[in-house]
Structure formats: C-alpha cells, structure tokens
N, C-alpha and C. Protein backbone atom coordinates (compact mmCIF):
# COMPACT_ATOMS: atom_id res chain seq x y z
N MET A 1 0.68 -1.17 0.17
CA MET A 1 0.03 0.24 0.24
C MET A 1 0.65 1.17 0.13
N ASN A 2 0.89 2.48 -1.47
CA ASN A 2 1.92 2.72 -1.22
C ASN A 2 0.37 4.38 -0.70
N SER A 3 1.61 5.72 0.07
CA SER A 3 0.83 6.84 0.53
C SER A 3 0.13 7.34 0.05
N LYS A 4 -0.17 6.92 -1.05
CA LYS A 4 -1.51 7.69 -1.91
C LYS A 4 -3.12 5.96 -1.36
N HIS A 5 -3.23 5.26 -1.41
CA HIS A 5 -3.67 4.29 -1.21
C HIS A 5 -4.08 4.53 0.66
N ARG A 6 -2.15 5.18 1.49
CA ARG A 6 -3.16 5.51 3.52
C ARG A 6 -4.02 6.78 3.49
N MET A 7 -3.54 7.75 2.18
CA MET A 7 -4.23 8.76 2.43
C MET A 7 -5.87 9.06 2.43
N THR A 8 -6.46 7.81 1.05
CA THR A 8 -7.78 7.23 1.10
C THR A 8 -8.51 6.36 2.17
N LEU A 9 -7.87 5.71 2.89
CA LEU A 9 -8.08 4.79 3.25
C LEU A 9 -8.56 6.07 5.42
N GLU A 10 -7.79 6.48 5.69
CA GLU A 10 -7.66 7.81 6.18
C GLU A 10 -8.90 8.28 5.76
N ALA A 11 -9.58 9.15 5.07
CA ALA A 11 -10.39 9.47 3.85
C ALA A 11 -11.45 8.76 4.69
N ILE A 12 -11.90 7.54 4.56
CA ILE A 12 -12.72 6.88 4.29
C ILE A 12 -13.23 6.77 5.95
N PHE A 13 -12.42 6.28 6.51
CA PHE A 13 -12.85 6.30 8.43
C PHE A 13 -12.70 8.24 9.20
N SER A 14 -12.05 8.79 8.23
CA SER A 14 -12.58 10.07 8.44
C SER A 14 -13.89 10.29 8.95
N GLU A 15 -13.86 11.13 10.57
CA GLU A 15 -15.15 11.35 10.38
C GLU A 15 -15.62 12.80 10.37
N PRO A 16 -16.35 14.48 10.43
CA PRO A 16 -17.95 13.40 9.58
C PRO A 16 -17.52 12.15 8.65
N VAL A 17 -17.51 11.46 7.58
CA VAL A 17 -18.31 10.64 6.95
C VAL A 17 -18.06 11.93 5.87
N ASN A 18 -16.95 11.29 4.49
CA ASN A 18 -16.50 12.29 3.33
C ASN A 18 -16.99 11.88 1.77
N GLY A 19 -18.02 12.83 1.74
CA GLY A 19 -18.70 12.10 0.53
C GLY A 19 -18.07 12.80 -0.52
N SER A 20 -16.95 13.38 -0.06
CA SER A 20 -16.51 13.62 -2.08
C SER A 20 -14.97 12.80 -2.31
N ILE A 21 -14.53 11.89 -1.99
CA ILE A 21 -13.78 10.73 -2.27
C ILE A 21 -14.32 9.84 -3.74
N GLU A 22 -13.42 10.50 -4.70
CA GLU A 22 -13.03 10.10 -5.76
C GLU A 22 -13.20 8.04 -5.87
N TRP A 23 -14.46 7.52 -6.80
CA TRP A 23 -14.77 5.62 -6.43
C TRP A 23 -13.58 5.26 -7.66
N SER A 24 -12.23 6.28 -7.91
CA SER A 24 -12.07 5.42 -8.27
C SER A 24 -10.34 4.99 -7.27
N ARG A 25 -10.19 6.21 -6.59
CA ARG A 25 -9.45 6.24 -4.73
C ARG A 25 -9.53 4.85 -4.15
N ILE A 26 -10.72 4.68 -4.60
CA ILE A 26 -11.50 3.83 -3.18
C ILE A 26 -11.14 1.87 -4.08
N GLU A 27 -11.62 2.07 -5.39
CA GLU A 27 -10.94 0.65 -5.98
C GLU A 27 -9.68 0.10 -6.44
N ALA A 28 -8.44 1.45 -6.13
CA ALA A 28 -7.38 1.75 -6.46
C ALA A 28 -6.84 1.05 -4.97
N LEU A 29 -7.69 1.64 -3.48
CA LEU A 29 -7.29 1.24 -2.48
C LEU A 29 -7.90 -0.41 -2.85
N LEU A 30 -8.26 -0.63 -2.73
CA LEU A 30 -9.51 -2.04 -2.92
C LEU A 30 -8.40 -3.28 -3.15
N THR A 31 -8.22 -2.91 -4.32
CA THR A 31 -6.81 -3.01 -5.39
C THR A 31 -5.69 -4.07 -4.34
N ALA A 32 -5.46 -2.74 -4.08
CA ALA A 32 -3.75 -2.91 -3.67
C ALA A 32 -3.83 -3.55 -2.68
N ILE A 33 -5.40 -3.71 -1.72
CA ILE A 33 -5.36 -4.31 -0.14
C ILE A 33 -5.11 -6.47 -0.71
N GLY A 34 -5.29 -6.47 -1.78
CA GLY A 34 -5.41 -7.85 -2.35
C GLY A 34 -6.88 -7.90 -2.79
N CYS A 35 -8.09 -7.50 -2.40
CA CYS A 35 -9.33 -7.49 -3.06
C CYS A 35 -9.37 -7.91 -4.88
N ARG A 36 -10.27 -9.28 -4.84
CA ARG A 36 -10.20 -9.20 -7.11
C ARG A 36 -12.11 -8.99 -6.56
N THR A 37 -11.64 -8.29 -7.72
CA THR A 37 -12.62 -7.19 -8.79
C THR A 37 -13.78 -8.20 -9.26
N ILE A 38 -14.59 -8.27 -9.27
CA ILE A 38 -15.29 -9.06 -9.89
C ILE A 38 -16.22 -7.78 -10.54
N GLU A 39 -16.48 -7.83 -12.47
CA GLU A 39 -17.71 -6.72 -12.61
C GLU A 39 -18.71 -7.67 -13.19
N GLY A 40 -19.95 -7.30 -12.76
CA GLY A 40 -21.19 -7.61 -12.22
C GLY A 40 -21.67 -6.60 -14.00
N SER A 41 -23.37 -6.70 -13.99
CA SER A 41 -23.36 -5.90 -15.17
C SER A 41 -23.90 -4.03 -14.18
N GLY A 42 -24.22 -3.14 -15.14
CA GLY A 42 -23.77 -2.01 -15.83
C GLY A 42 -22.87 -1.80 -14.60
N SER A 43 -23.60 -0.88 -13.46
CA SER A 43 -22.21 -0.27 -12.82
C SER A 43 -22.39 -1.15 -11.22
N SER A 44 -22.62 -2.75 -11.24
CA SER A 44 -22.49 -3.13 -10.66
C SER A 44 -20.83 -3.28 -10.48
N VAL A 45 -20.50 -3.48 -8.97
CA VAL A 45 -18.57 -3.97 -8.72
C VAL A 45 -18.71 -5.49 -7.94
N THR A 46 -18.58 -5.69 -7.77
CA THR A 46 -18.22 -6.73 -6.04
C THR A 46 -16.60 -7.27 -6.32
N PHE A 47 -16.53 -6.82 -5.28
CA PHE A 47 -15.25 -7.26 -3.77
C PHE A 47 -14.87 -8.57 -3.20
N GLU A 48 -14.20 -8.92 -3.41
CA GLU A 48 -13.61 -10.41 -2.66
C GLU A 48 -12.03 -10.62 -1.99
N LYS A 49 -12.15 -10.79 -1.08
CA LYS A 49 -11.24 -11.04 0.22
C LYS A 49 -11.12 -12.34 1.30
N ASP A 50 -10.12 -12.91 0.90
CA ASP A 50 -10.01 -13.60 2.25
C ASP A 50 -11.45 -14.61 2.36
N GLY A 51 -12.24 -14.81 1.77
CA GLY A 51 -13.75 -15.48 2.06
C GLY A 51 -15.02 -13.99 1.89
N HIS A 52 -14.49 -12.04 2.08
CA HIS A 52 -15.67 -11.71 2.43
C HIS A 52 -15.41 -10.55 0.82
N LYS A 53 -17.19 -10.76 0.79
CA LYS A 53 -17.53 -10.34 -0.29
C LYS A 53 -18.43 -8.99 0.49
N ALA A 54 -18.64 -7.58 -1.12
CA ALA A 54 -18.56 -7.02 -0.70
C ALA A 54 -19.29 -6.47 -2.35
N ASN A 55 -20.83 -6.24 -2.73
CA ASN A 55 -21.20 -5.34 -3.59
C ASN A 55 -21.30 -4.06 -3.37
N PHE A 56 -20.70 -3.40 -4.79
CA PHE A 56 -21.03 -1.88 -4.84
C PHE A 56 -21.58 -1.86 -6.35
N HIS A 57 -22.17 -0.38 -6.00
CA HIS A 57 -22.15 0.26 -7.72
C HIS A 57 -21.23 1.31 -7.91
N ARG A 58 -21.13 1.57 -9.31
CA ARG A 58 -19.56 2.21 -8.48
C ARG A 58 -20.76 3.62 -9.15
N PRO A 59 -20.19 4.88 -8.90
CA PRO A 59 -21.22 6.60 -8.64
C PRO A 59 -21.13 7.19 -10.36
N HIS A 60 -22.03 6.62 -10.56
CA HIS A 60 -22.26 7.66 -12.00
C HIS A 60 -23.41 8.65 -12.04
N PRO A 61 -23.70 9.65 -12.42
CA PRO A 61 -21.98 10.11 -13.76
C PRO A 61 -21.31 11.17 -12.41
N ARG A 62 -21.48 11.36 -11.55
CA ARG A 62 -20.16 12.05 -10.56
C ARG A 62 -19.24 11.15 -10.52
N LYS A 63 -17.69 11.16 -9.93
CA LYS A 63 -16.90 10.69 -9.85
C LYS A 63 -16.71 10.38 -8.66
N GLU A 64 -17.55 10.85 -7.31
CA GLU A 64 -17.54 10.59 -6.28
C GLU A 64 -18.37 9.63 -5.41
N ALA A 65 -17.98 9.24 -4.92
CA ALA A 65 -18.23 7.75 -4.01
C ALA A 65 -19.61 8.59 -3.13
N LEU A 66 -20.55 9.06 -2.46
CA LEU A 66 -21.89 8.88 -1.48
C LEU A 66 -21.23 8.81 -0.44
N LYS A 67 -22.09 9.54 0.33
CA LYS A 67 -21.12 9.52 2.32
C LYS A 67 -22.12 7.35 2.35
N TYR A 68 -22.67 7.21 2.00
CA TYR A 68 -23.59 5.79 2.43
C TYR A 68 -22.73 5.07 1.63
N ARG A 69 -21.67 5.52 0.17
CA ARG A 69 -21.60 3.99 -0.13
C ARG A 69 -20.06 3.98 0.55
N VAL A 70 -19.24 5.49 1.03
CA VAL A 70 -17.98 5.56 1.84
C VAL A 70 -18.45 4.62 2.48
N LYS A 71 -19.77 4.61 4.22
CA LYS A 71 -19.15 3.95 4.75
C LYS A 71 -20.12 2.37 4.82
N GLN A 72 -20.33 1.89 3.60
CA GLN A 72 -20.89 0.65 2.95
C GLN A 72 -18.55 0.32 3.16
N VAL A 73 -18.45 0.82 2.51
CA VAL A 73 -16.94 -0.18 2.49
C VAL A 73 -15.65 0.31 3.21
N ARG A 74 -16.82 1.12 4.17
CA ARG A 74 -15.86 1.61 5.77
C ARG A 74 -16.31 0.38 6.08
N GLU A 75 -17.23 -0.49 5.94
CA GLU A 75 -17.73 -1.59 7.31
C GLU A 75 -16.79 -2.60 5.95
N TYR A 76 -17.12 -2.74 4.98
CA TYR A 76 -15.99 -4.42 4.62
C TYR A 76 -14.74 -3.65 4.89
N LEU A 77 -15.07 -3.25 4.94
CA LEU A 77 -12.61 -2.46 5.49
C LEU A 77 -12.29 -3.14 6.91
N GLN A 78 -13.62 -2.42 7.65
CA GLN A 78 -13.97 -3.28 9.28
C GLN A 78 -13.57 -4.94 8.92
N GLN A 79 -14.64 -5.44 8.66
CA GLN A 79 -14.54 -7.14 8.37
C GLN A 79 -13.60 -7.27 8.02
N LEU A 80 -12.79 -6.84 7.40
CA LEU A 80 -11.17 -7.24 6.51
C LEU A 80 -10.39 -7.18 7.69
N GLU A 81 -10.40 -6.57 8.84
CA GLU A 81 -9.88 -6.23 9.26
C GLU A 81 -8.67 -4.70 9.12
N ILE A 82 -9.45 -4.63 8.53
CA ILE A 82 -7.75 -3.26 7.94
C ILE A 82 -8.74 -1.78 8.35
N THR A 83 -7.67 -1.21 9.27
CA THR A 83 -7.28 0.56 9.72
C THR A 83 -6.55 1.12 9.54
N PRO A 84 -6.73 2.19 9.47
CA PRO A 84 -5.77 3.12 9.67
C PRO A 84 -4.96 3.91 10.31
C-alpha cells in the first residue's frame, strides 16, 4: 500500500463521513490490499478477499462516492480488519 492508498484509507475512516472521495481511489485501495474485482452488469462491482465479499454500484454520472457508499466501504474494510 503506497502513501496515496493510505491517504484514501484515512479519508474513508474520517469523521464526519467524507462524501467527496473519488470512487477510482477507493477501487485502487481495495485492489492494493489484495481484493479481487468481479465485474457485474452495468455499474455493479464486487470485491472479494479471504471469503468476504462486498457488492457496490459505481457512482455515475459523478466520480465521487456518496456518504452511504463510503460507509459501506468502511464496514467492508473493518470486516477485513483493515483500518488506518
């Protein structure tokens, strides 16, 4: 995990919840920690690591992840025991 990934991780766990994180940064972080990306139909994407799966919908037309999506990513990272 490089410094940009660490900054993304810290942004995901910041309070209040940050609703301006670009989704591409979140995907890059999940890939960097070893998650497998499974493309679904449309904007659906699933990440899998160590038997834990999380399904998300990529934001569109905007690039930023909304607060509820950031919370979902935070919960997934906590399941994987990855915190800043």
